[in-house]
């Protein structure tokens, strides 16, 4: 009788789930100068002048605007960094994050 070699049954590979994405949202306020908001958007989110101006104007008109979408850690870090830049300059500039549906 020949030697029988039993091979292990192949295991189903666990698929890595895509990380959930989070939106960084710029909240409008009536005190932070527009030029400063554009400066922060360019510095933190690497936007061009035109992109930053468009985001700032949308937030001004609608009360809030989605700036960008990242993984949770990156979104929270960028929102915190941008909000801190406003605070250091004495402005109530605020960014928040929200899970993307």
PDB file of N, CA and C in Angstrom:
ATOM      1  N   UNK A   1       0.846  -1.150   0.000  1.00  0.00           N
ATOM      2  CA  UNK A   1       0.000   0.000   0.000  1.00  0.00           C
ATOM      3  C   UNK A   1       0.905   1.230   0.000  1.00  0.00           C
ATOM      4  N   UNK A   2       0.637   2.144  -0.973  1.00  0.00           N
ATOM      5  CA  UNK A   2       1.514   3.320  -1.083  1.00  0.00           C
ATOM      6  C   UNK A   2       1.260   4.286   0.085  1.00  0.00           C
ATOM      7  N   UNK A   3       2.270   5.059   0.347  1.00  0.00           N
ATOM      8  CA  UNK A   3       2.146   6.073   1.404  1.00  0.00           C
ATOM      9  C   UNK A   3       1.157   7.147   0.953  1.00  0.00           C
ATOM     10  N   UNK A   4       0.210   7.422   1.786  1.00  0.00           N
ATOM     11  CA  UNK A   4      -0.801   8.422   1.453  1.00  0.00           C
ATOM     12  C   UNK A   4      -0.388   9.739   2.111  1.00  0.00           C
ATOM     13  N   UNK A   5      -0.327  10.772   1.287  1.00  0.00           N
ATOM     14  CA  UNK A   5       0.036  12.096   1.790  1.00  0.00           C
ATOM     15  C   UNK A   5      -1.241  12.926   1.849  1.00  0.00           C
ATOM     16  N   UNK A   6      -1.563  13.342   3.045  1.00  0.00           N
ATOM     17  CA  UNK A   6      -2.748  14.169   3.210  1.00  0.00           C
ATOM     18  C   UNK A   6      -2.335  15.641   3.230  1.00  0.00           C
ATOM     19  N   UNK A   7      -2.964  16.381   2.361  1.00  0.00           N
ATOM     20  CA  UNK A   7      -2.678  17.809   2.314  1.00  0.00           C
ATOM     21  C   UNK A   7      -3.741  18.542   3.127  1.00  0.00           C
ATOM     22  N   UNK A   8      -3.335  19.550   3.841  1.00  0.00           N
ATOM     23  CA  UNK A   8      -4.320  20.299   4.619  1.00  0.00           C
ATOM     24  C   UNK A   8      -5.298  21.018   3.688  1.00  0.00           C
ATOM     25  N   UNK A   9      -6.510  21.087   4.158  1.00  0.00           N
ATOM     26  CA  UNK A   9      -7.538  21.755   3.382  1.00  0.00           C
ATOM     27  C   UNK A   9      -7.184  23.248   3.303  1.00  0.00           C
ATOM     28  N   UNK A  10      -7.249  23.827   2.113  1.00  0.00           N
ATOM     29  CA  UNK A  10      -6.896  25.250   2.005  1.00  0.00           C
ATOM     30  C   UNK A  10      -7.850  26.112   2.826  1.00  0.00           C
ATOM     31  N   UNK A  11      -7.269  27.009   3.569  1.00  0.00           N
ATOM     32  CA  UNK A  11      -8.052  27.915   4.401  1.00  0.00           C
ATOM     33  C   UNK A  11      -8.506  29.112   3.558  1.00  0.00           C
ATOM     34  N   UNK A  12      -9.688  29.567   3.829  1.00  0.00           N
ATOM     35  CA  UNK A  12     -10.163  30.772   3.152  1.00  0.00           C
ATOM     36  C   UNK A  12      -9.350  31.939   3.685  1.00  0.00           C
ATOM     37  N   UNK A  13      -8.776  32.682   2.773  1.00  0.00           N
ATOM     38  CA  UNK A  13      -7.944  33.804   3.185  1.00  0.00           C
ATOM     39  C   UNK A  13      -8.825  34.945   3.664  1.00  0.00           C
ATOM     40  N   UNK A  14      -8.427  35.496   4.766  1.00  0.00           N
ATOM     41  CA  UNK A  14      -9.163  36.639   5.307  1.00  0.00           C
ATOM     42  C   UNK A  14      -8.832  37.860   4.462  1.00  0.00           C
ATOM     43  N   UNK A  15      -9.864  38.486   3.962  1.00  0.00           N
ATOM     44  CA  UNK A  15      -9.652  39.682   3.161  1.00  0.00           C
ATOM     45  C   UNK A  15      -9.532  40.881   4.084  1.00  0.00           C
ATOM     46  N   UNK A  16      -8.553  41.689   3.792  1.00  0.00           N
ATOM     47  CA  UNK A  16      -8.401  42.912   4.564  1.00  0.00           C
ATOM     48  C   UNK A  16      -9.505  43.876   4.148  1.00  0.00           C
ATOM     49  N   UNK A  17     -10.233  44.350   5.132  1.00  0.00           N
ATOM     50  CA  UNK A  17     -11.324  45.277   4.844  1.00  0.00           C
ATOM     51  C   UNK A  17     -10.745  46.660   4.569  1.00  0.00           C
ATOM     52  N   UNK A  18     -11.340  47.351   3.611  1.00  0.00           N
ATOM     53  CA  UNK A  18     -10.881  48.703   3.307  1.00  0.00           C
ATOM     54  C   UNK A  18     -11.171  49.596   4.513  1.00  0.00           C
ATOM     55  N   UNK A  19     -10.229  50.452   4.833  1.00  0.00           N
ATOM     56  CA  UNK A  19     -10.457  51.321   5.993  1.00  0.00           C
ATOM     57  C   UNK A  19     -11.612  52.294   5.725  1.00  0.00           C
ATOM     58  N   UNK A  20     -12.348  52.595   6.764  1.00  0.00           N
ATOM     59  CA  UNK A  20     -13.443  53.560   6.633  1.00  0.00           C
ATOM     60  C   UNK A  20     -12.845  54.939   6.388  1.00  0.00           C
ATOM     61  N   UNK A  21     -13.553  55.709   5.592  1.00  0.00           N
ATOM     62  CA  UNK A  21     -13.070  57.044   5.264  1.00  0.00           C
ATOM     63  C   UNK A  21     -13.839  58.096   6.055  1.00  0.00           C
ATOM     64  N   UNK A  22     -13.134  59.182   6.335  1.00  0.00           N
ATOM     65  CA  UNK A  22     -13.702  60.278   7.100  1.00  0.00           C
ATOM     66  C   UNK A  22     -13.524  61.589   6.345  1.00  0.00           C
ATOM     67  N   UNK A  23     -14.567  62.423   6.401  1.00  0.00           N
ATOM     68  CA  UNK A  23     -14.528  63.730   5.752  1.00  0.00           C
ATOM     69  C   UNK A  23     -13.977  64.753   6.741  1.00  0.00           C
ATOM     70  N   UNK A  24     -13.129  65.644   6.240  1.00  0.00           N
ATOM     71  CA  UNK A  24     -12.699  66.799   7.019  1.00  0.00           C
ATOM     72  C   UNK A  24     -13.590  67.949   6.570  1.00  0.00           C
ATOM     73  N   UNK A  25     -14.246  68.591   7.525  1.00  0.00           N
ATOM     74  CA  UNK A  25     -15.226  69.628   7.213  1.00  0.00           C
ATOM     75  C   UNK A  25     -14.780  70.960   7.806  1.00  0.00           C
ATOM     76  N   UNK A  26     -14.789  71.992   6.963  1.00  0.00           N
ATOM     77  CA  UNK A  26     -14.509  73.360   7.399  1.00  0.00           C
ATOM     78  C   UNK A  26     -15.826  73.992   7.819  1.00  0.00           C
ATOM     79  N   UNK A  27     -15.861  74.514   9.044  1.00  0.00           N
ATOM     80  CA  UNK A  27     -17.058  75.187   9.555  1.00  0.00           C
ATOM     81  C   UNK A  27     -16.881  76.698   9.417  1.00  0.00           C
ATOM     82  N   UNK A  28     -17.900  77.354   8.923  1.00  0.00           N
ATOM     83  CA  UNK A  28     -17.829  78.796   8.732  1.00  0.00           C
ATOM     84  C   UNK A  28     -17.956  79.525  10.065  1.00  0.00           C
ATOM     85  N   UNK A  29     -17.254  80.632  10.179  1.00  0.00           N
ATOM     86  CA  UNK A  29     -17.451  81.541  11.304  1.00  0.00           C
ATOM     87  C   UNK A  29     -17.362  82.966  10.742  1.00  0.00           C
ATOM     88  N   UNK A  30     -17.827  83.924  11.505  1.00  0.00           N
ATOM     89  CA  UNK A  30     -17.874  85.306  11.020  1.00  0.00           C
ATOM     90  C   UNK A  30     -16.669  86.136  11.455  1.00  0.00           C
ATOM     91  N   UNK A  31     -15.651  85.497  12.008  1.00  0.00           N
ATOM     92  CA  UNK A  31     -14.530  86.251  12.557  1.00  0.00           C
ATOM     93  C   UNK A  31     -13.195  85.975  11.875  1.00  0.00           C
ATOM     94  N   UNK A  32     -12.988  84.775  11.379  1.00  0.00           N
ATOM     95  CA  UNK A  32     -11.713  84.423  10.762  1.00  0.00           C
ATOM     96  C   UNK A  32     -11.633  85.053   9.369  1.00  0.00           C
ATOM     97  N   UNK A  33     -10.569  85.818   9.099  1.00  0.00           N
ATOM     98  CA  UNK A  33     -10.435  86.440   7.781  1.00  0.00           C
ATOM     99  C   UNK A  33     -10.318  85.391   6.664  1.00  0.00           C
ATOM    100  N   UNK A  34     -10.895  85.717   5.539  1.00  0.00           N
ATOM    101  CA  UNK A  34     -10.886  84.795   4.405  1.00  0.00           C
ATOM    102  C   UNK A  34      -9.474  84.446   3.967  1.00  0.00           C
ATOM    103  N   UNK A  35      -8.604  85.445   3.956  1.00  0.00           N
ATOM    104  CA  UNK A  35      -7.217  85.199   3.534  1.00  0.00           C
ATOM    105  C   UNK A  35      -6.524  84.191   4.447  1.00  0.00           C
ATOM    106  N   UNK A  36      -6.835  84.257   5.741  1.00  0.00           N
ATOM    107  CA  UNK A  36      -6.225  83.318   6.680  1.00  0.00           C
ATOM    108  C   UNK A  36      -6.740  81.895   6.427  1.00  0.00           C
ATOM    109  N   UNK A  37      -8.027  81.759   6.158  1.00  0.00           N
ATOM    110  CA  UNK A  37      -8.602  80.436   5.872  1.00  0.00           C
ATOM    111  C   UNK A  37      -7.939  79.842   4.638  1.00  0.00           C
ATOM    112  N   UNK A  38      -7.758  80.643   3.608  1.00  0.00           N
ATOM    113  CA  UNK A  38      -7.092  80.181   2.378  1.00  0.00           C
ATOM    114  C   UNK A  38      -5.665  79.747   2.701  1.00  0.00           C
ATOM    115  N   UNK A  39      -4.974  80.523   3.520  1.00  0.00           N
ATOM    116  CA  UNK A  39      -3.594  80.188   3.907  1.00  0.00           C
ATOM    117  C   UNK A  39      -3.537  78.825   4.613  1.00  0.00           C
ATOM    118  N   UNK A  40      -4.478  78.579   5.522  1.00  0.00           N
ATOM    119  CA  UNK A  40      -4.516  77.307   6.262  1.00  0.00           C
ATOM    120  C   UNK A  40      -4.820  76.148   5.307  1.00  0.00           C
ATOM    121  N   UNK A  41      -5.784  76.326   4.431  1.00  0.00           N
ATOM    122  CA  UNK A  41      -6.132  75.262   3.480  1.00  0.00           C
ATOM    123  C   UNK A  41      -4.950  74.916   2.583  1.00  0.00           C
ATOM    124  N   UNK A  42      -4.214  75.924   2.146  1.00  0.00           N
ATOM    125  CA  UNK A  42      -3.044  75.675   1.299  1.00  0.00           C
ATOM    126  C   UNK A  42      -1.950  74.956   2.083  1.00  0.00           C
ATOM    127  N   UNK A  43      -1.740  75.362   3.337  1.00  0.00           N
ATOM    128  CA  UNK A  43      -0.657  74.788   4.137  1.00  0.00           C
ATOM    129  C   UNK A  43      -0.957  73.360   4.587  1.00  0.00           C
ATOM    130  N   UNK A  44      -2.149  73.124   5.115  1.00  0.00           N
ATOM    131  CA  UNK A  44      -2.458  71.821   5.711  1.00  0.00           C
ATOM    132  C   UNK A  44      -2.928  70.811   4.661  1.00  0.00           C
ATOM    133  N   UNK A  45      -3.731  71.273   3.712  1.00  0.00           N
ATOM    134  CA  UNK A  45      -4.329  70.342   2.752  1.00  0.00           C
ATOM    135  C   UNK A  45      -3.685  70.409   1.373  1.00  0.00           C
ATOM    136  N   UNK A  46      -2.620  71.185   1.243  1.00  0.00           N
ATOM    137  CA  UNK A  46      -1.849  71.299   0.005  1.00  0.00           C
ATOM    138  C   UNK A  46      -2.719  71.659  -1.198  1.00  0.00           C
ATOM    139  N   UNK A  47      -3.611  72.603  -0.988  1.00  0.00           N
ATOM    140  CA  UNK A  47      -4.487  73.060  -2.066  1.00  0.00           C
ATOM    141  C   UNK A  47      -3.817  74.198  -2.826  1.00  0.00           C
ATOM    142  N   UNK A  48      -4.253  74.374  -4.065  1.00  0.00           N
ATOM    143  CA  UNK A  48      -3.819  75.540  -4.813  1.00  0.00           C
ATOM    144  C   UNK A  48      -4.614  76.740  -4.315  1.00  0.00           C
ATOM    145  N   UNK A  49      -4.221  77.904  -4.733  1.00  0.00           N
ATOM    146  CA  UNK A  49      -4.932  79.127  -4.344  1.00  0.00           C
ATOM    147  C   UNK A  49      -6.401  79.061  -4.784  1.00  0.00           C
ATOM    148  N   UNK A  50      -6.630  78.622  -6.008  1.00  0.00           N
ATOM    149  CA  UNK A  50      -7.988  78.561  -6.545  1.00  0.00           C
ATOM    150  C   UNK A  50      -8.838  77.531  -5.800  1.00  0.00           C
ATOM    151  N   UNK A  51      -8.262  76.358  -5.499  1.00  0.00           N
ATOM    152  CA  UNK A  51      -9.003  75.326  -4.766  1.00  0.00           C
ATOM    153  C   UNK A  51      -9.367  75.821  -3.365  1.00  0.00           C
ATOM    154  N   UNK A  52      -8.398  76.419  -2.684  1.00  0.00           N
ATOM    155  CA  UNK A  52      -8.622  76.908  -1.324  1.00  0.00           C
ATOM    156  C   UNK A  52      -9.673  78.017  -1.311  1.00  0.00           C
ATOM    157  N   UNK A  53      -9.621  78.892  -2.287  1.00  0.00           N
ATOM    158  CA  UNK A  53     -10.604  79.972  -2.377  1.00  0.00           C
ATOM    159  C   UNK A  53     -12.007  79.406  -2.603  1.00  0.00           C
ATOM    160  N   UNK A  54     -12.116  78.394  -3.450  1.00  0.00           N
ATOM    161  CA  UNK A  54     -13.413  77.760  -3.706  1.00  0.00           C
ATOM    162  C   UNK A  54     -13.983  77.089  -2.466  1.00  0.00           C
ATOM    163  N   UNK A  55     -13.162  76.373  -1.729  1.00  0.00           N
ATOM    164  CA  UNK A  55     -13.608  75.701  -0.499  1.00  0.00           C
ATOM    165  C   UNK A  55     -14.032  76.736   0.535  1.00  0.00           C
ATOM    166  N   UNK A  56     -13.226  77.789   0.675  1.00  0.00           N
ATOM    167  CA  UNK A  56     -13.542  78.833   1.650  1.00  0.00           C
ATOM    168  C   UNK A  56     -14.866  79.512   1.308  1.00  0.00           C
ATOM    169  N   UNK A  57     -15.087  79.826   0.038  1.00  0.00           N
ATOM    170  CA  UNK A  57     -16.334  80.486  -0.362  1.00  0.00           C
ATOM    171  C   UNK A  57     -17.546  79.567  -0.188  1.00  0.00           C
ATOM    172  N   UNK A  58     -17.380  78.284  -0.466  1.00  0.00           N
ATOM    173  CA  UNK A  58     -18.477  77.333  -0.264  1.00  0.00           C
ATOM    174  C   UNK A  58     -18.845  77.259   1.212  1.00  0.00           C
ATOM    175  N   UNK A  59     -17.851  77.188   2.076  1.00  0.00           N
ATOM    176  CA  UNK A  59     -18.120  77.157   3.525  1.00  0.00           C
ATOM    177  C   UNK A  59     -18.783  78.461   3.955  1.00  0.00           C
ATOM    178  N   UNK A  60     -18.355  79.567   3.380  1.00  0.00           N
ATOM    179  CA  UNK A  60     -18.931  80.868   3.730  1.00  0.00           C
ATOM    180  C   UNK A  60     -20.410  80.937   3.339  1.00  0.00           C
ATOM    181  N   UNK A  61     -20.739  80.418   2.175  1.00  0.00           N
ATOM    182  CA  UNK A  61     -22.118  80.486   1.678  1.00  0.00           C
ATOM    183  C   UNK A  61     -23.040  79.463   2.331  1.00  0.00           C
ATOM    184  N   UNK A  62     -22.530  78.266   2.555  1.00  0.00           N
ATOM    185  CA  UNK A  62     -23.374  77.170   3.040  1.00  0.00           C
ATOM    186  C   UNK A  62     -23.232  76.880   4.526  1.00  0.00           C
ATOM    187  N   UNK A  63     -22.235  77.452   5.164  1.00  0.00           N
ATOM    188  CA  UNK A  63     -22.033  77.214   6.585  1.00  0.00           C
ATOM    189  C   UNK A  63     -21.000  76.148   6.881  1.00  0.00           C
ATOM    190  N   UNK A  64     -20.735  75.281   5.924  1.00  0.00           N
ATOM    191  CA  UNK A  64     -19.720  74.226   6.084  1.00  0.00           C
ATOM    192  C   UNK A  64     -19.371  73.695   4.702  1.00  0.00           C
ATOM    193  N   UNK A  65     -18.195  73.083   4.603  1.00  0.00           N
ATOM    194  CA  UNK A  65     -17.763  72.525   3.321  1.00  0.00           C
ATOM    195  C   UNK A  65     -16.815  71.353   3.580  1.00  0.00           C
ATOM    196  N   UNK A  66     -16.994  70.278   2.823  1.00  0.00           N
ATOM    197  CA  UNK A  66     -16.065  69.152   2.913  1.00  0.00           C
ATOM    198  C   UNK A  66     -14.760  69.571   2.244  1.00  0.00           C
ATOM    199  N   UNK A  67     -13.683  69.461   2.981  1.00  0.00           N
ATOM    200  CA  UNK A  67     -12.375  69.865   2.482  1.00  0.00           C
ATOM    201  C   UNK A  67     -11.699  68.700   1.767  1.00  0.00           C
ATOM    202  N   UNK A  68     -11.706  67.525   2.405  1.00  0.00           N
ATOM    203  CA  UNK A  68     -11.036  66.353   1.855  1.00  0.00           C
ATOM    204  C   UNK A  68     -11.537  65.111   2.577  1.00  0.00           C
ATOM    205  N   UNK A  69     -11.174  63.944   2.041  1.00  0.00           N
ATOM    206  CA  UNK A  69     -11.569  62.667   2.633  1.00  0.00           C
ATOM    207  C   UNK A  69     -10.308  61.831   2.835  1.00  0.00           C
ATOM    208  N   UNK A  70     -10.140  61.323   4.053  1.00  0.00           N
ATOM    209  CA  UNK A  70      -8.959  60.543   4.425  1.00  0.00           C
ATOM    210  C   UNK A  70      -9.372  59.374   5.312  1.00  0.00           C
ATOM    211  N   UNK A  71      -8.391  58.552   5.666  1.00  0.00           N
ATOM    212  CA  UNK A  71      -8.628  57.554   6.711  1.00  0.00           C
ATOM    213  C   UNK A  71      -8.808  58.320   8.022  1.00  0.00           C
ATOM    214  N   UNK A  72      -9.337  57.658   9.017  1.00  0.00           N
ATOM    215  CA  UNK A  72      -9.697  58.332  10.271  1.00  0.00           C
ATOM    216  C   UNK A  72      -8.525  59.068  10.913  1.00  0.00           C
ATOM    217  N   UNK A  73      -7.397  58.413  11.035  1.00  0.00           N
ATOM    218  CA  UNK A  73      -6.254  59.004  11.714  1.00  0.00           C
ATOM    219  C   UNK A  73      -5.756  60.246  10.988  1.00  0.00           C
ATOM    220  N   UNK A  74      -5.672  60.150   9.673  1.00  0.00           N
ATOM    221  CA  UNK A  74      -5.181  61.287   8.886  1.00  0.00           C
ATOM    222  C   UNK A  74      -6.179  62.436   8.957  1.00  0.00           C
ATOM    223  N   UNK A  75      -7.471  62.127   8.815  1.00  0.00           N
ATOM    224  CA  UNK A  75      -8.503  63.162   8.858  1.00  0.00           C
ATOM    225  C   UNK A  75      -8.482  63.895  10.198  1.00  0.00           C
ATOM    226  N   UNK A  76      -8.406  63.153  11.287  1.00  0.00           N
ATOM    227  CA  UNK A  76      -8.394  63.779  12.611  1.00  0.00           C
ATOM    228  C   UNK A  76      -7.139  64.619  12.827  1.00  0.00           C
ATOM    229  N   UNK A  77      -6.006  64.126  12.347  1.00  0.00           N
ATOM    230  CA  UNK A  77      -4.754  64.863  12.509  1.00  0.00           C
ATOM    231  C   UNK A  77      -4.784  66.167  11.722  1.00  0.00           C
ATOM    232  N   UNK A  78      -5.260  66.131  10.494  1.00  0.00           N
ATOM    233  CA  UNK A  78      -5.315  67.336   9.670  1.00  0.00           C
ATOM    234  C   UNK A  78      -6.338  68.334  10.214  1.00  0.00           C
ATOM    235  N   UNK A  79      -7.481  67.841  10.664  1.00  0.00           N
ATOM    236  CA  UNK A  79      -8.493  68.735  11.237  1.00  0.00           C
ATOM    237  C   UNK A  79      -7.937  69.414  12.490  1.00  0.00           C
ATOM    238  N   UNK A  80      -7.255  68.659  13.315  1.00  0.00           N
ATOM    239  CA  UNK A  80      -6.660  69.210  14.541  1.00  0.00           C
ATOM    240  C   UNK A  80      -5.584  70.237  14.194  1.00  0.00           C
ATOM    241  N   UNK A  81      -4.729  69.907  13.230  1.00  0.00           N
ATOM    242  CA  UNK A  81      -3.648  70.817  12.836  1.00  0.00           C
ATOM    243  C   UNK A  81      -4.205  72.138  12.303  1.00  0.00           C
ATOM    244  N   UNK A  82      -5.227  72.063  11.456  1.00  0.00           N
ATOM    245  CA  UNK A  82      -5.822  73.265  10.875  1.00  0.00           C
ATOM    246  C   UNK A  82      -6.529  74.097  11.951  1.00  0.00           C
ATOM    247  N   UNK A  83      -7.258  73.450  12.848  1.00  0.00           N
ATOM    248  CA  UNK A  83      -7.943  74.155  13.925  1.00  0.00           C
ATOM    249  C   UNK A  83      -6.922  74.814  14.852  1.00  0.00           C
ATOM    250  N   UNK A  84      -5.832  74.112  15.133  1.00  0.00           N
ATOM    251  CA  UNK A  84      -4.779  74.669  15.987  1.00  0.00           C
ATOM    252  C   UNK A  84      -4.119  75.890  15.363  1.00  0.00           C
ATOM    253  N   UNK A  85      -3.960  75.889  14.042  1.00  0.00           N
ATOM    254  CA  UNK A  85      -3.382  77.058  13.363  1.00  0.00           C
ATOM    255  C   UNK A  85      -4.272  78.278  13.585  1.00  0.00           C
ATOM    256  N   UNK A  86      -5.569  78.082  13.520  1.00  0.00           N
ATOM    257  CA  UNK A  86      -6.492  79.179  13.778  1.00  0.00           C
ATOM    258  C   UNK A  86      -6.403  79.655  15.218  1.00  0.00           C
ATOM    259  N   UNK A  87      -6.362  78.702  16.140  1.00  0.00           N
ATOM    260  CA  UNK A  87      -6.273  79.049  17.559  1.00  0.00           C
ATOM    261  C   UNK A  87      -5.003  79.800  17.893  1.00  0.00           C
ATOM    262  N   UNK A  88      -3.889  79.398  17.301  1.00  0.00           N
ATOM    263  CA  UNK A  88      -2.613  80.067  17.560  1.00  0.00           C
ATOM    264  C   UNK A  88      -2.622  81.499  17.047  1.00  0.00           C
ATOM    265  N   UNK A  89      -3.405  81.739  15.986  1.00  0.00           N
ATOM    266  CA  UNK A  89      -3.503  83.087  15.430  1.00  0.00           C
ATOM    267  C   UNK A  89      -4.616  83.896  16.106  1.00  0.00           C
ATOM    268  N   UNK A  90      -5.347  83.272  17.017  1.00  0.00           N
ATOM    269  CA  UNK A  90      -6.389  83.971  17.747  1.00  0.00           C
ATOM    270  C   UNK A  90      -7.741  83.983  17.050  1.00  0.00           C
ATOM    271  N   UNK A  91      -7.951  83.050  16.136  1.00  0.00           N
ATOM    272  CA  UNK A  91      -9.216  82.979  15.405  1.00  0.00           C
ATOM    273  C   UNK A  91      -9.994  81.726  15.815  1.00  0.00           C
ATOM    274  N   UNK A  92     -11.321  81.784  15.718  1.00  0.00           N
ATOM    275  CA  UNK A  92     -12.137  80.611  16.068  1.00  0.00           C
ATOM    276  C   UNK A  92     -12.305  79.631  14.903  1.00  0.00           C
ATOM    277  N   UNK A  93     -11.332  79.560  14.028  1.00  0.00           N
ATOM    278  CA  UNK A  93     -11.379  78.659  12.872  1.00  0.00           C
ATOM    279  C   UNK A  93     -11.566  77.228  13.361  1.00  0.00           C
ATOM    280  N   UNK A  94     -12.525  76.508  12.767  1.00  0.00           N
ATOM    281  CA  UNK A  94     -12.810  75.152  13.239  1.00  0.00           C
ATOM    282  C   UNK A  94     -12.974  74.185  12.082  1.00  0.00           C
ATOM    283  N   UNK A  95     -12.332  73.052  12.222  1.00  0.00           N
ATOM    284  CA  UNK A  95     -12.471  71.932  11.304  1.00  0.00           C
ATOM    285  C   UNK A  95     -12.949  70.747  12.134  1.00  0.00           C
ATOM    286  N   UNK A  96     -13.755  69.902  11.548  1.00  0.00           N
ATOM    287  CA  UNK A  96     -14.243  68.721  12.243  1.00  0.00           C
ATOM    288  C   UNK A  96     -14.154  67.539  11.286  1.00  0.00           C
ATOM    289  N   UNK A  97     -14.375  66.332  11.818  1.00  0.00           N
ATOM    290  CA  UNK A  97     -14.384  65.138  10.970  1.00  0.00           C
ATOM    291  C   UNK A  97     -15.713  64.434  11.125  1.00  0.00           C
ATOM    292  N   UNK A  98     -16.073  63.707  10.089  1.00  0.00           N
ATOM    293  CA  UNK A  98     -17.328  62.967  10.082  1.00  0.00           C
ATOM    294  C   UNK A  98     -17.148  61.732   9.210  1.00  0.00           C
ATOM    295  N   UNK A  99     -17.649  60.611   9.672  1.00  0.00           N
ATOM    296  CA  UNK A  99     -17.515  59.383   8.898  1.00  0.00           C
ATOM    297  C   UNK A  99     -18.311  59.474   7.598  1.00  0.00           C
ATOM    298  N   UNK A 100     -17.674  59.048   6.531  1.00  0.00           N
ATOM    299  CA  UNK A 100     -18.341  59.074   5.234  1.00  0.00           C
ATOM    300  C   UNK A 100     -19.266  57.866   5.129  1.00  0.00           C
ATOM    301  N   UNK A 101     -20.459  58.101   4.680  1.00  0.00           N
ATOM    302  CA  UNK A 101     -21.447  57.015   4.565  1.00  0.00           C
ATOM    303  C   UNK A 101     -21.237  56.231   3.297  1.00  0.00           C
TER     304      UNK A 101
END
